[in-house]
Amino acid sequence: MAYWYNVNSGRIEQDGDTESKDHLMGPYATEDEARAALETSRARNEAWDEQDKKWDGEE
């Protein structure tokens, strides 16, 4: 079973019981992973920004 984080409601949803996927982040293997979706996304974005700086020769 997959879990999703609903960015509109802040709720965790499961496959088969979800709103439109337009408002969901995932899928995640566990409910805890889905609950951490925003933090995971933030950390990944920061890492990618650092990689972009290195690629662009800004560091």
PDB file of N, CA and C in Angstrom:
ATOM      1  N   MET A   1       0.839  -1.175   0.000  1.00  0.00           N
ATOM      2  CA  MET A   1       0.000   0.000   0.000  1.00  0.00           C
ATOM      3  C   MET A   1       0.884   1.238   0.000  1.00  0.00           C
ATOM      4  N   ALA A   2       0.493   2.243  -0.734  1.00  0.00           N
ATOM      5  CA  ALA A   2       1.230   3.496  -0.807  1.00  0.00           C
ATOM      6  C   ALA A   2       0.502   4.575  -0.011  1.00  0.00           C
ATOM      7  N   TYR A   3       1.285   5.519   0.484  1.00  0.00           N
ATOM      8  CA  TYR A   3       0.758   6.642   1.245  1.00  0.00           C
ATOM      9  C   TYR A   3       1.088   7.936   0.510  1.00  0.00           C
ATOM     10  N   TRP A   4       0.232   8.915   0.674  1.00  0.00           N
ATOM     11  CA  TRP A   4       0.359  10.202  -0.008  1.00  0.00           C
ATOM     12  C   TRP A   4       0.163  11.317   1.002  1.00  0.00           C
ATOM     13  N   TYR A   5       0.842  12.439   0.784  1.00  0.00           N
ATOM     14  CA  TYR A   5       0.649  13.632   1.608  1.00  0.00           C
ATOM     15  C   TYR A   5      -0.184  14.622   0.813  1.00  0.00           C
ATOM     16  N   ASN A   6      -1.314  15.037   1.358  1.00  0.00           N
ATOM     17  CA  ASN A   6      -2.198  15.991   0.704  1.00  0.00           C
ATOM     18  C   ASN A   6      -1.768  17.399   1.114  1.00  0.00           C
ATOM     19  N   VAL A   7      -1.242  18.174   0.158  1.00  0.00           N
ATOM     20  CA  VAL A   7      -0.723  19.506   0.471  1.00  0.00           C
ATOM     21  C   VAL A   7      -1.840  20.498   0.792  1.00  0.00           C
ATOM     22  N   ASN A   8      -3.046  20.245   0.369  1.00  0.00           N
ATOM     23  CA  ASN A   8      -4.171  21.144   0.676  1.00  0.00           C
ATOM     24  C   ASN A   8      -4.678  20.951   2.101  1.00  0.00           C
ATOM     25  N   SER A   9      -4.800  19.716   2.516  1.00  0.00           N
ATOM     26  CA  SER A   9      -5.394  19.436   3.818  1.00  0.00           C
ATOM     27  C   SER A   9      -4.376  19.087   4.896  1.00  0.00           C
ATOM     28  N   GLY A  10      -3.155  18.704   4.491  1.00  0.00           N
ATOM     29  CA  GLY A  10      -2.153  18.263   5.454  1.00  0.00           C
ATOM     30  C   GLY A  10      -2.382  16.847   5.948  1.00  0.00           C
ATOM     31  N   ARG A  11      -3.326  16.152   5.330  1.00  0.00           N
ATOM     32  CA  ARG A  11      -3.650  14.780   5.745  1.00  0.00           C
ATOM     33  C   ARG A  11      -2.823  13.764   4.976  1.00  0.00           C
ATOM     34  N   ILE A  12      -2.687  12.588   5.571  1.00  0.00           N
ATOM     35  CA  ILE A  12      -2.068  11.450   4.915  1.00  0.00           C
ATOM     36  C   ILE A  12      -3.194  10.624   4.313  1.00  0.00           C
ATOM     37  N   GLU A  13      -3.031  10.236   3.061  1.00  0.00           N
ATOM     38  CA  GLU A  13      -4.046   9.440   2.369  1.00  0.00           C
ATOM     39  C   GLU A  13      -3.407   8.145   1.888  1.00  0.00           C
ATOM     40  N   GLN A  14      -4.251   7.137   1.683  1.00  0.00           N
ATOM     41  CA  GLN A  14      -3.787   5.840   1.207  1.00  0.00           C
ATOM     42  C   GLN A  14      -4.330   5.575  -0.179  1.00  0.00           C
ATOM     43  N   ASP A  15      -3.602   4.729  -0.927  1.00  0.00           N
ATOM     44  CA  ASP A  15      -4.084   4.340  -2.253  1.00  0.00           C
ATOM     45  C   ASP A  15      -5.533   3.889  -2.175  1.00  0.00           C
ATOM     46  N   GLY A  16      -6.308   4.273  -3.158  1.00  0.00           N
ATOM     47  CA  GLY A  16      -7.706   3.886  -3.219  1.00  0.00           C
ATOM     48  C   GLY A  16      -8.615   4.814  -2.439  1.00  0.00           C
ATOM     49  N   ASP A  17      -8.035   5.672  -1.606  1.00  0.00           N
ATOM     50  CA  ASP A  17      -8.827   6.590  -0.797  1.00  0.00           C
ATOM     51  C   ASP A  17      -8.192   7.979  -0.851  1.00  0.00           C
ATOM     52  N   THR A  18      -7.943   8.453  -2.091  1.00  0.00           N
ATOM     53  CA  THR A  18      -7.258   9.726  -2.241  1.00  0.00           C
ATOM     54  C   THR A  18      -8.100  10.715  -3.031  1.00  0.00           C
ATOM     55  N   GLU A  19      -7.804  11.976  -2.799  1.00  0.00           N
ATOM     56  CA  GLU A  19      -8.368  13.022  -3.636  1.00  0.00           C
ATOM     57  C   GLU A  19      -7.590  13.019  -4.944  1.00  0.00           C
ATOM     58  N   SER A  20      -7.867  13.984  -5.779  1.00  0.00           N
ATOM     59  CA  SER A  20      -7.141  14.134  -7.028  1.00  0.00           C
ATOM     60  C   SER A  20      -5.643  14.155  -6.752  1.00  0.00           C
ATOM     61  N   LYS A  21      -4.889  13.463  -7.557  1.00  0.00           N
ATOM     62  CA  LYS A  21      -3.435  13.403  -7.368  1.00  0.00           C
ATOM     63  C   LYS A  21      -2.774  14.761  -7.596  1.00  0.00           C
ATOM     64  N   ASP A  22      -3.508  15.741  -8.089  1.00  0.00           N
ATOM     65  CA  ASP A  22      -2.962  17.083  -8.281  1.00  0.00           C
ATOM     66  C   ASP A  22      -2.513  17.711  -6.966  1.00  0.00           C
ATOM     67  N   HIS A  23      -3.080  17.279  -5.859  1.00  0.00           N
ATOM     68  CA  HIS A  23      -2.800  17.878  -4.561  1.00  0.00           C
ATOM     69  C   HIS A  23      -1.978  16.958  -3.666  1.00  0.00           C
ATOM     70  N   LEU A  24      -1.422  15.896  -4.244  1.00  0.00           N
ATOM     71  CA  LEU A  24      -0.732  14.909  -3.427  1.00  0.00           C
ATOM     72  C   LEU A  24       0.751  14.840  -3.726  1.00  0.00           C
ATOM     73  N   MET A  25       1.537  14.573  -2.703  1.00  0.00           N
ATOM     74  CA  MET A  25       2.958  14.279  -2.856  1.00  0.00           C
ATOM     75  C   MET A  25       3.126  12.803  -2.525  1.00  0.00           C
ATOM     76  N   GLY A  26       3.916  12.124  -3.331  1.00  0.00           N
ATOM     77  CA  GLY A  26       4.148  10.709  -3.073  1.00  0.00           C
ATOM     78  C   GLY A  26       4.187   9.947  -4.361  1.00  0.00           C
ATOM     79  N   PRO A  27       4.174   8.689  -4.323  1.00  0.00           N
ATOM     80  CA  PRO A  27       3.813   7.830  -3.193  1.00  0.00           C
ATOM     81  C   PRO A  27       4.996   7.584  -2.256  1.00  0.00           C
ATOM     82  N   TYR A  28       4.651   7.254  -1.013  1.00  0.00           N
ATOM     83  CA  TYR A  28       5.616   6.899   0.014  1.00  0.00           C
ATOM     84  C   TYR A  28       5.293   5.500   0.521  1.00  0.00           C
ATOM     85  N   ALA A  29       6.322   4.795   0.957  1.00  0.00           N
ATOM     86  CA  ALA A  29       6.154   3.413   1.415  1.00  0.00           C
ATOM     87  C   ALA A  29       5.494   3.327   2.784  1.00  0.00           C
ATOM     88  N   THR A  30       5.709   4.357   3.613  1.00  0.00           N
ATOM     89  CA  THR A  30       5.143   4.326   4.964  1.00  0.00           C
ATOM     90  C   THR A  30       4.397   5.624   5.258  1.00  0.00           C
ATOM     91  N   GLU A  31       3.558   5.558   6.259  1.00  0.00           N
ATOM     92  CA  GLU A  31       2.820   6.744   6.688  1.00  0.00           C
ATOM     93  C   GLU A  31       3.780   7.802   7.234  1.00  0.00           C
ATOM     94  N   ASP A  32       4.822   7.368   7.953  1.00  0.00           N
ATOM     95  CA  ASP A  32       5.805   8.313   8.489  1.00  0.00           C
ATOM     96  C   ASP A  32       6.541   9.054   7.381  1.00  0.00           C
ATOM     97  N   GLU A  33       6.893   8.347   6.304  1.00  0.00           N
ATOM     98  CA  GLU A  33       7.549   8.998   5.172  1.00  0.00           C
ATOM     99  C   GLU A  33       6.624  10.040   4.550  1.00  0.00           C
ATOM    100  N   ALA A  34       5.358   9.717   4.420  1.00  0.00           N
ATOM    101  CA  ALA A  34       4.388  10.664   3.864  1.00  0.00           C
ATOM    102  C   ALA A  34       4.244  11.876   4.770  1.00  0.00           C
ATOM    103  N   ARG A  35       4.239  11.649   6.081  1.00  0.00           N
ATOM    104  CA  ARG A  35       4.113  12.742   7.042  1.00  0.00           C
ATOM    105  C   ARG A  35       5.303  13.708   6.946  1.00  0.00           C
ATOM    106  N   ALA A  36       6.467  13.199   6.536  1.00  0.00           N
ATOM    107  CA  ALA A  36       7.677  14.012   6.417  1.00  0.00           C
ATOM    108  C   ALA A  36       7.865  14.565   5.006  1.00  0.00           C
ATOM    109  N   ALA A  37       6.854  14.505   4.167  1.00  0.00           N
ATOM    110  CA  ALA A  37       6.974  14.873   2.751  1.00  0.00           C
ATOM    111  C   ALA A  37       7.505  16.286   2.547  1.00  0.00           C
ATOM    112  N   LEU A  38       6.990  17.255   3.279  1.00  0.00           N
ATOM    113  CA  LEU A  38       7.428  18.635   3.082  1.00  0.00           C
ATOM    114  C   LEU A  38       8.885  18.821   3.493  1.00  0.00           C
ATOM    115  N   GLU A  39       9.282  18.223   4.598  1.00  0.00           N
ATOM    116  CA  GLU A  39      10.669  18.325   5.047  1.00  0.00           C
ATOM    117  C   GLU A  39      11.606  17.610   4.066  1.00  0.00           C
ATOM    118  N   THR A  40      11.195  16.457   3.584  1.00  0.00           N
ATOM    119  CA  THR A  40      11.998  15.729   2.603  1.00  0.00           C
ATOM    120  C   THR A  40      12.170  16.554   1.337  1.00  0.00           C
ATOM    121  N   SER A  41      11.104  17.164   0.890  1.00  0.00           N
ATOM    122  CA  SER A  41      11.150  18.005  -0.305  1.00  0.00           C
ATOM    123  C   SER A  41      12.071  19.202  -0.101  1.00  0.00           C
ATOM    124  N   ARG A  42      11.976  19.851   1.051  1.00  0.00           N
ATOM    125  CA  ARG A  42      12.820  20.991   1.355  1.00  0.00           C
ATOM    126  C   ARG A  42      14.296  20.597   1.341  1.00  0.00           C
ATOM    127  N   ALA A  43      14.629  19.481   1.968  1.00  0.00           N
ATOM    128  CA  ALA A  43      16.017  19.022   2.029  1.00  0.00           C
ATOM    129  C   ALA A  43      16.541  18.680   0.638  1.00  0.00           C
ATOM    130  N   ARG A  44      15.730  18.036  -0.157  1.00  0.00           N
ATOM    131  CA  ARG A  44      16.159  17.692  -1.521  1.00  0.00           C
ATOM    132  C   ARG A  44      16.363  18.942  -2.365  1.00  0.00           C
ATOM    133  N   ASN A  45      15.470  19.907  -2.235  1.00  0.00           N
ATOM    134  CA  ASN A  45      15.615  21.157  -2.984  1.00  0.00           C
ATOM    135  C   ASN A  45      16.901  21.880  -2.605  1.00  0.00           C
ATOM    136  N   GLU A  46      17.215  21.920  -1.316  1.00  0.00           N
ATOM    137  CA  GLU A  46      18.452  22.560  -0.874  1.00  0.00           C
ATOM    138  C   GLU A  46      19.666  21.850  -1.454  1.00  0.00           C
ATOM    139  N   ALA A  47      19.651  20.521  -1.446  1.00  0.00           N
ATOM    140  CA  ALA A  47      20.770  19.752  -2.004  1.00  0.00           C
ATOM    141  C   ALA A  47      20.904  20.015  -3.503  1.00  0.00           C
ATOM    142  N   TRP A  48      19.795  20.064  -4.204  1.00  0.00           N
ATOM    143  CA  TRP A  48      19.837  20.329  -5.649  1.00  0.00           C
ATOM    144  C   TRP A  48      20.315  21.746  -5.932  1.00  0.00           C
ATOM    145  N   ASP A  49      19.923  22.704  -5.099  1.00  0.00           N
ATOM    146  CA  ASP A  49      20.406  24.075  -5.264  1.00  0.00           C
ATOM    147  C   ASP A  49      21.927  24.130  -5.118  1.00  0.00           C
ATOM    148  N   GLU A  50      22.463  23.399  -4.149  1.00  0.00           N
ATOM    149  CA  GLU A  50      23.915  23.346  -3.963  1.00  0.00           C
ATOM    150  C   GLU A  50      24.595  22.706  -5.173  1.00  0.00           C
ATOM    151  N   GLN A  51      24.000  21.637  -5.694  1.00  0.00           N
ATOM    152  CA  GLN A  51      24.556  20.994  -6.893  1.00  0.00           C
ATOM    153  C   GLN A  51      24.539  21.952  -8.078  1.00  0.00           C
ATOM    154  N   ASP A  52      23.468  22.723  -8.210  1.00  0.00           N
ATOM    155  CA  ASP A  52      23.376  23.700  -9.298  1.00  0.00           C
ATOM    156  C   ASP A  52      24.474  24.755  -9.183  1.00  0.00           C
ATOM    157  N   LYS A  53      24.721  25.226  -7.953  1.00  0.00           N
ATOM    158  CA  LYS A  53      25.782  26.217  -7.746  1.00  0.00           C
ATOM    159  C   LYS A  53      27.130  25.655  -8.195  1.00  0.00           C
ATOM    160  N   LYS A  54      27.409  24.415  -7.835  1.00  0.00           N
ATOM    161  CA  LYS A  54      28.672  23.788  -8.233  1.00  0.00           C
ATOM    162  C   LYS A  54      28.725  23.637  -9.748  1.00  0.00           C
ATOM    163  N   TRP A  55      27.633  23.240 -10.339  1.00  0.00           N
ATOM    164  CA  TRP A  55      27.568  23.064 -11.798  1.00  0.00           C
ATOM    165  C   TRP A  55      27.804  24.387 -12.511  1.00  0.00           C
ATOM    166  N   ASP A  56      27.239  25.452 -11.954  1.00  0.00           N
ATOM    167  CA  ASP A  56      27.369  26.784 -12.552  1.00  0.00           C
ATOM    168  C   ASP A  56      28.691  27.463 -12.189  1.00  0.00           C
ATOM    169  N   GLY A  57      29.519  26.820 -11.372  1.00  0.00           N
ATOM    170  CA  GLY A  57      30.799  27.367 -10.979  1.00  0.00           C
ATOM    171  C   GLY A  57      30.718  28.493  -9.978  1.00  0.00           C
ATOM    172  N   GLU A  58      29.650  28.516  -9.199  1.00  0.00           N
ATOM    173  CA  GLU A  58      29.468  29.584  -8.203  1.00  0.00           C
ATOM    174  C   GLU A  58      30.183  29.268  -6.891  1.00  0.00           C
ATOM    175  N   GLU A  59      30.732  28.092  -6.739  1.00  0.00           N
ATOM    176  CA  GLU A  59      31.439  27.740  -5.504  1.00  0.00           C
ATOM    177  C   GLU A  59      32.888  27.514  -5.789  1.00  0.00           C
TER     178      GLU A  59
END
